N, C-alpha and C. Protein backbone atom coordinates (compact mmCIF):
# COMPACT_ATOMS: atom_id res chain seq x y z
N MET A 1 24.65 16.20 30.87
CA MET A 1 23.39 15.84 31.50
C MET A 1 23.69 14.84 32.60
N ASN A 2 22.96 14.95 33.68
CA ASN A 2 23.07 14.03 34.81
C ASN A 2 22.78 12.61 34.32
N PRO A 3 23.67 11.62 34.62
CA PRO A 3 23.47 10.25 34.12
C PRO A 3 22.13 9.64 34.53
N ILE A 4 21.66 9.97 35.70
CA ILE A 4 20.37 9.41 36.15
C ILE A 4 19.25 10.00 35.29
N ARG A 5 19.30 11.31 35.07
CA ARG A 5 18.28 11.95 34.23
C ARG A 5 18.39 11.48 32.78
N ALA A 6 19.61 11.26 32.32
CA ALA A 6 19.80 10.79 30.94
C ALA A 6 19.17 9.43 30.75
N GLY A 7 19.30 8.56 31.73
CA GLY A 7 18.68 7.23 31.64
C GLY A 7 17.17 7.32 31.57
N ALA A 8 16.59 8.20 32.39
CA ALA A 8 15.14 8.38 32.37
C ALA A 8 14.69 8.95 31.02
N TYR A 9 15.49 9.87 30.48
CA TYR A 9 15.17 10.46 29.19
C TYR A 9 15.19 9.40 28.09
N LEU A 10 16.22 8.56 28.09
CA LEU A 10 16.32 7.51 27.07
C LEU A 10 15.19 6.50 27.20
N ARG A 11 14.81 6.16 28.44
CA ARG A 11 13.69 5.24 28.64
C ARG A 11 12.41 5.84 28.09
N SER A 12 12.17 7.12 28.36
CA SER A 12 10.94 7.73 27.87
C SER A 12 10.95 7.83 26.35
N MET A 13 12.13 8.03 25.75
CA MET A 13 12.23 8.08 24.29
C MET A 13 11.95 6.71 23.69
N SER A 14 12.42 5.64 24.33
CA SER A 14 12.21 4.31 23.78
C SER A 14 10.77 3.86 23.95
N ASP A 15 10.07 4.42 24.92
CA ASP A 15 8.67 4.07 25.14
C ASP A 15 7.74 4.78 24.16
N ALA A 16 8.24 5.82 23.51
CA ALA A 16 7.41 6.60 22.59
C ALA A 16 7.00 5.74 21.40
N ASP A 17 5.80 6.01 20.90
CA ASP A 17 5.28 5.27 19.76
C ASP A 17 5.42 6.14 18.51
N PHE A 18 6.61 6.10 17.91
CA PHE A 18 6.88 6.95 16.76
C PHE A 18 6.08 6.53 15.53
N ALA A 19 5.61 5.30 15.50
CA ALA A 19 4.86 4.81 14.34
C ALA A 19 3.49 5.47 14.21
N HIS A 20 3.04 6.14 15.26
CA HIS A 20 1.70 6.73 15.21
C HIS A 20 1.72 8.23 15.52
N THR A 21 2.83 8.88 15.21
CA THR A 21 2.87 10.33 15.32
C THR A 21 2.18 10.92 14.09
N ASP A 22 1.91 12.22 14.14
CA ASP A 22 1.28 12.88 12.99
C ASP A 22 2.14 12.76 11.74
N ARG A 23 3.44 12.90 11.92
CA ARG A 23 4.35 12.81 10.77
C ARG A 23 4.35 11.40 10.19
N ALA A 24 4.36 10.39 11.06
CA ALA A 24 4.35 9.01 10.58
C ALA A 24 3.04 8.71 9.85
N GLU A 25 1.94 9.21 10.36
CA GLU A 25 0.64 9.01 9.70
C GLU A 25 0.64 9.65 8.31
N LYS A 26 1.21 10.85 8.19
CA LYS A 26 1.28 11.53 6.89
C LYS A 26 2.17 10.74 5.94
N ASN A 27 3.33 10.30 6.42
CA ASN A 27 4.24 9.51 5.58
C ASN A 27 3.58 8.21 5.12
N ARG A 28 2.85 7.57 6.04
CA ARG A 28 2.16 6.31 5.71
C ARG A 28 1.11 6.56 4.64
N ARG A 29 0.35 7.64 4.79
CA ARG A 29 -0.69 7.96 3.79
C ARG A 29 -0.06 8.29 2.44
N ASP A 30 1.02 9.06 2.44
CA ASP A 30 1.69 9.39 1.18
C ASP A 30 2.17 8.13 0.47
N LYS A 31 2.76 7.22 1.23
CA LYS A 31 3.25 5.97 0.63
C LYS A 31 2.08 5.12 0.15
N ALA A 32 1.00 5.08 0.94
CA ALA A 32 -0.17 4.29 0.55
C ALA A 32 -0.78 4.84 -0.74
N VAL A 33 -0.81 6.16 -0.89
CA VAL A 33 -1.34 6.77 -2.12
C VAL A 33 -0.48 6.36 -3.31
N THR A 34 0.83 6.39 -3.15
CA THR A 34 1.74 5.98 -4.23
C THR A 34 1.51 4.53 -4.61
N LEU A 35 1.42 3.66 -3.61
CA LEU A 35 1.20 2.23 -3.86
C LEU A 35 -0.17 1.98 -4.50
N ALA A 36 -1.19 2.66 -3.96
CA ALA A 36 -2.55 2.48 -4.48
C ALA A 36 -2.65 2.95 -5.93
N ARG A 37 -2.04 4.07 -6.22
CA ARG A 37 -2.08 4.61 -7.59
C ARG A 37 -1.43 3.62 -8.56
N TYR A 38 -0.27 3.10 -8.19
CA TYR A 38 0.45 2.17 -9.05
C TYR A 38 -0.37 0.90 -9.27
N ALA A 39 -0.87 0.32 -8.19
CA ALA A 39 -1.62 -0.94 -8.29
C ALA A 39 -2.96 -0.73 -9.01
N TRP A 40 -3.68 0.35 -8.68
CA TRP A 40 -4.98 0.59 -9.30
C TRP A 40 -4.85 0.75 -10.82
N ASN A 41 -3.83 1.47 -11.24
CA ASN A 41 -3.63 1.66 -12.69
C ASN A 41 -3.35 0.35 -13.40
N ARG A 42 -2.94 -0.67 -12.68
CA ARG A 42 -2.67 -1.98 -13.27
C ARG A 42 -3.86 -2.93 -13.14
N GLY A 43 -4.99 -2.42 -12.68
CA GLY A 43 -6.19 -3.23 -12.60
C GLY A 43 -6.24 -4.15 -11.40
N ILE A 44 -5.40 -3.92 -10.42
CA ILE A 44 -5.35 -4.75 -9.22
C ILE A 44 -6.39 -4.22 -8.23
N SER A 45 -7.14 -5.12 -7.61
CA SER A 45 -8.14 -4.71 -6.62
C SER A 45 -7.48 -4.66 -5.23
N GLY A 46 -8.18 -4.03 -4.30
CA GLY A 46 -7.67 -3.99 -2.93
C GLY A 46 -7.52 -5.38 -2.35
N ALA A 47 -8.50 -6.25 -2.62
CA ALA A 47 -8.44 -7.63 -2.11
C ALA A 47 -7.26 -8.38 -2.73
N GLU A 48 -7.02 -8.17 -4.01
CA GLU A 48 -5.89 -8.83 -4.66
C GLU A 48 -4.56 -8.34 -4.10
N LEU A 49 -4.49 -7.06 -3.79
CA LEU A 49 -3.28 -6.51 -3.19
C LEU A 49 -2.99 -7.17 -1.85
N LEU A 50 -4.01 -7.29 -1.02
CA LEU A 50 -3.83 -7.88 0.30
C LEU A 50 -3.57 -9.38 0.23
N ALA A 51 -4.03 -10.04 -0.84
CA ALA A 51 -3.83 -11.48 -0.99
C ALA A 51 -2.43 -11.82 -1.51
N MET A 52 -1.70 -10.83 -1.99
CA MET A 52 -0.35 -11.08 -2.51
C MET A 52 0.58 -11.54 -1.39
N THR A 53 1.62 -12.25 -1.77
CA THR A 53 2.64 -12.63 -0.79
C THR A 53 3.42 -11.38 -0.40
N ASP A 54 4.10 -11.46 0.74
CA ASP A 54 4.93 -10.34 1.17
C ASP A 54 5.98 -10.01 0.11
N GLU A 55 6.56 -11.04 -0.46
CA GLU A 55 7.60 -10.83 -1.48
C GLU A 55 7.05 -10.09 -2.69
N THR A 56 5.87 -10.47 -3.14
CA THR A 56 5.26 -9.80 -4.30
C THR A 56 4.93 -8.35 -3.97
N ARG A 57 4.40 -8.12 -2.77
CA ARG A 57 4.10 -6.73 -2.37
C ARG A 57 5.38 -5.89 -2.31
N ARG A 58 6.47 -6.47 -1.81
CA ARG A 58 7.74 -5.73 -1.77
C ARG A 58 8.19 -5.37 -3.19
N LYS A 59 8.07 -6.32 -4.11
CA LYS A 59 8.45 -6.05 -5.50
C LYS A 59 7.56 -4.97 -6.11
N LEU A 60 6.28 -5.02 -5.81
CA LEU A 60 5.35 -4.02 -6.32
C LEU A 60 5.72 -2.64 -5.79
N ALA A 61 6.06 -2.55 -4.50
CA ALA A 61 6.44 -1.27 -3.92
C ALA A 61 7.68 -0.71 -4.62
N ARG A 62 8.65 -1.57 -4.85
CA ARG A 62 9.87 -1.10 -5.54
C ARG A 62 9.55 -0.65 -6.97
N ALA A 63 8.67 -1.38 -7.64
CA ALA A 63 8.27 -0.99 -9.00
C ALA A 63 7.54 0.36 -8.99
N ALA A 64 6.87 0.66 -7.88
CA ALA A 64 6.16 1.93 -7.74
C ALA A 64 7.09 3.05 -7.25
N ASP A 65 8.39 2.75 -7.17
CA ASP A 65 9.39 3.70 -6.67
C ASP A 65 9.13 4.11 -5.23
N ALA A 66 8.70 3.14 -4.43
CA ALA A 66 8.47 3.37 -3.00
C ALA A 66 9.26 2.33 -2.21
N HIS A 67 9.74 2.74 -1.05
CA HIS A 67 10.40 1.79 -0.16
C HIS A 67 9.31 0.88 0.40
N PRO A 68 9.48 -0.44 0.36
CA PRO A 68 8.43 -1.34 0.85
C PRO A 68 8.05 -1.05 2.31
N PRO A 69 6.76 -0.93 2.59
CA PRO A 69 6.32 -0.69 3.97
C PRO A 69 6.72 -1.84 4.89
N ARG A 70 6.99 -1.51 6.14
CA ARG A 70 7.39 -2.52 7.12
C ARG A 70 6.19 -3.26 7.72
N THR A 71 5.03 -2.62 7.67
CA THR A 71 3.86 -3.22 8.30
C THR A 71 2.70 -3.31 7.30
N MET A 72 1.71 -4.10 7.67
CA MET A 72 0.51 -4.25 6.83
C MET A 72 -0.37 -3.00 6.89
N GLU A 73 -0.17 -2.16 7.87
CA GLU A 73 -1.01 -0.98 8.03
C GLU A 73 -1.03 -0.12 6.76
N THR A 74 0.12 0.08 6.16
CA THR A 74 0.20 0.88 4.93
C THR A 74 -0.47 0.16 3.77
N TRP A 75 -0.27 -1.15 3.68
CA TRP A 75 -0.91 -1.92 2.60
C TRP A 75 -2.42 -1.90 2.75
N GLU A 76 -2.92 -2.01 3.98
CA GLU A 76 -4.37 -1.99 4.21
C GLU A 76 -4.95 -0.64 3.82
N LEU A 77 -4.23 0.43 4.14
CA LEU A 77 -4.68 1.76 3.74
C LEU A 77 -4.68 1.88 2.21
N ALA A 78 -3.65 1.37 1.56
CA ALA A 78 -3.59 1.40 0.09
C ALA A 78 -4.77 0.63 -0.50
N ALA A 79 -5.10 -0.52 0.07
CA ALA A 79 -6.23 -1.32 -0.43
C ALA A 79 -7.54 -0.56 -0.29
N ARG A 80 -7.73 0.12 0.84
CA ARG A 80 -8.95 0.92 1.03
C ARG A 80 -9.02 2.05 0.01
N LEU A 81 -7.89 2.71 -0.21
CA LEU A 81 -7.85 3.80 -1.20
C LEU A 81 -8.19 3.28 -2.60
N MET A 82 -7.68 2.10 -2.93
CA MET A 82 -7.96 1.50 -4.24
C MET A 82 -9.45 1.19 -4.38
N ASP A 83 -10.05 0.66 -3.33
CA ASP A 83 -11.49 0.35 -3.38
C ASP A 83 -12.31 1.63 -3.53
N GLU A 84 -11.89 2.70 -2.83
CA GLU A 84 -12.58 3.98 -2.96
C GLU A 84 -12.45 4.52 -4.39
N LYS A 85 -11.27 4.40 -4.96
CA LYS A 85 -11.05 4.89 -6.33
C LYS A 85 -11.87 4.08 -7.32
N THR A 86 -11.97 2.77 -7.11
CA THR A 86 -12.77 1.93 -7.99
C THR A 86 -14.23 2.35 -7.95
N ALA A 87 -14.75 2.58 -6.74
CA ALA A 87 -16.14 3.02 -6.60
C ALA A 87 -16.35 4.37 -7.28
N TRP A 88 -15.41 5.28 -7.09
CA TRP A 88 -15.50 6.59 -7.72
C TRP A 88 -15.46 6.46 -9.24
N ALA A 89 -14.55 5.63 -9.75
CA ALA A 89 -14.40 5.46 -11.20
C ALA A 89 -15.67 4.87 -11.82
N GLN A 90 -16.35 4.00 -11.09
CA GLN A 90 -17.60 3.42 -11.61
C GLN A 90 -18.69 4.48 -11.72
N LYS A 91 -18.66 5.47 -10.82
CA LYS A 91 -19.66 6.54 -10.85
C LYS A 91 -19.32 7.62 -11.87
N HIS A 92 -18.05 7.70 -12.25
CA HIS A 92 -17.58 8.74 -13.18
C HIS A 92 -16.79 8.11 -14.32
N PRO A 93 -17.41 7.23 -15.10
CA PRO A 93 -16.67 6.49 -16.13
C PRO A 93 -16.08 7.37 -17.24
N ASP A 94 -16.63 8.56 -17.45
CA ASP A 94 -16.14 9.42 -18.52
C ASP A 94 -14.99 10.33 -18.08
N HIS A 95 -14.70 10.34 -16.79
CA HIS A 95 -13.62 11.20 -16.28
C HIS A 95 -12.27 10.58 -16.65
N PRO A 96 -11.31 11.39 -17.10
CA PRO A 96 -9.99 10.85 -17.48
C PRO A 96 -9.29 10.09 -16.35
N ALA A 97 -9.52 10.49 -15.10
CA ALA A 97 -8.87 9.82 -13.97
C ALA A 97 -9.50 8.46 -13.67
N ALA A 98 -10.62 8.14 -14.33
CA ALA A 98 -11.27 6.85 -14.10
C ALA A 98 -10.73 5.76 -15.02
N VAL A 99 -9.77 6.12 -15.85
CA VAL A 99 -9.19 5.17 -16.80
C VAL A 99 -7.90 4.58 -16.22
N ARG A 100 -7.85 3.26 -16.17
CA ARG A 100 -6.63 2.59 -15.71
C ARG A 100 -5.63 2.61 -16.86
N THR A 101 -4.43 3.05 -16.58
CA THR A 101 -3.46 3.30 -17.65
C THR A 101 -2.60 2.10 -18.03
N ASP A 102 -2.46 1.14 -17.14
CA ASP A 102 -1.54 0.02 -17.41
C ASP A 102 -2.16 -1.33 -17.06
N GLU A 103 -3.43 -1.52 -17.41
CA GLU A 103 -4.12 -2.77 -17.04
C GLU A 103 -3.46 -4.02 -17.60
N ASP A 104 -2.78 -3.88 -18.71
CA ASP A 104 -2.13 -5.04 -19.32
C ASP A 104 -0.99 -5.58 -18.44
N GLU A 105 -0.53 -4.81 -17.47
CA GLU A 105 0.54 -5.25 -16.58
C GLU A 105 0.04 -6.02 -15.36
N LYS A 106 -1.28 -6.15 -15.22
CA LYS A 106 -1.83 -6.85 -14.06
C LYS A 106 -1.29 -8.27 -13.96
N ILE A 107 -1.13 -8.93 -15.08
CA ILE A 107 -0.66 -10.32 -15.11
C ILE A 107 0.72 -10.47 -14.45
N MET A 108 1.48 -9.38 -14.41
CA MET A 108 2.79 -9.43 -13.76
C MET A 108 2.66 -9.57 -12.25
N TRP A 109 1.51 -9.16 -11.70
CA TRP A 109 1.34 -9.12 -10.25
C TRP A 109 0.30 -10.11 -9.75
N VAL A 110 -0.75 -10.30 -10.51
CA VAL A 110 -1.85 -11.19 -10.09
C VAL A 110 -2.01 -12.25 -11.16
N LYS A 111 -1.74 -13.47 -10.78
CA LYS A 111 -1.84 -14.59 -11.73
C LYS A 111 -3.28 -15.09 -11.77
N PRO A 112 -3.82 -15.35 -12.96
CA PRO A 112 -5.18 -15.89 -13.04
C PRO A 112 -5.22 -17.29 -12.44
N PRO A 113 -6.38 -17.70 -11.94
CA PRO A 113 -6.47 -19.04 -11.37
C PRO A 113 -6.19 -20.11 -12.43
N VAL A 114 -5.58 -21.17 -11.99
CA VAL A 114 -5.28 -22.27 -12.90
C VAL A 114 -6.56 -23.04 -13.15
N ARG A 115 -6.88 -23.23 -14.43
CA ARG A 115 -8.11 -23.95 -14.78
C ARG A 115 -7.83 -25.44 -14.86
N SER A 116 -8.80 -26.20 -14.49
CA SER A 116 -8.70 -27.66 -14.57
C SER A 116 -8.71 -28.10 -16.02
N TRP A 117 -8.05 -29.18 -16.31
CA TRP A 117 -8.04 -29.75 -17.66
C TRP A 117 -9.42 -30.27 -18.05
N PHE A 118 -10.23 -30.52 -17.05
CA PHE A 118 -11.54 -31.13 -17.30
C PHE A 118 -12.64 -30.11 -17.53
N GLU A 119 -12.34 -28.85 -17.48
CA GLU A 119 -13.37 -27.81 -17.68
C GLU A 119 -13.58 -27.54 -19.13
């Protein structure tokens, strides 16, 4: 390839936004579904997921057998999916999919607020 054309080709490739291609969007959604499913089954809310530290979210992703997302975009999508599932579960309490399977593990991810000694 002509070196001048090769340089233009490489510049155009580096300018491309691969994070927002159709494939990247599908991969992001697939990962968000995996993360949301894992967290929702443990009784974690979308707000609690977003309030976690980056380190805790990375650990949660690994526990869910997912590579930790590089950006908050995937976590925000997971939180929205969790909120949607919670709303659906409240409307369909008798459906088997509305039952959280590992709620007792929530304490591993979300610590209850510390109560004052004076309460």
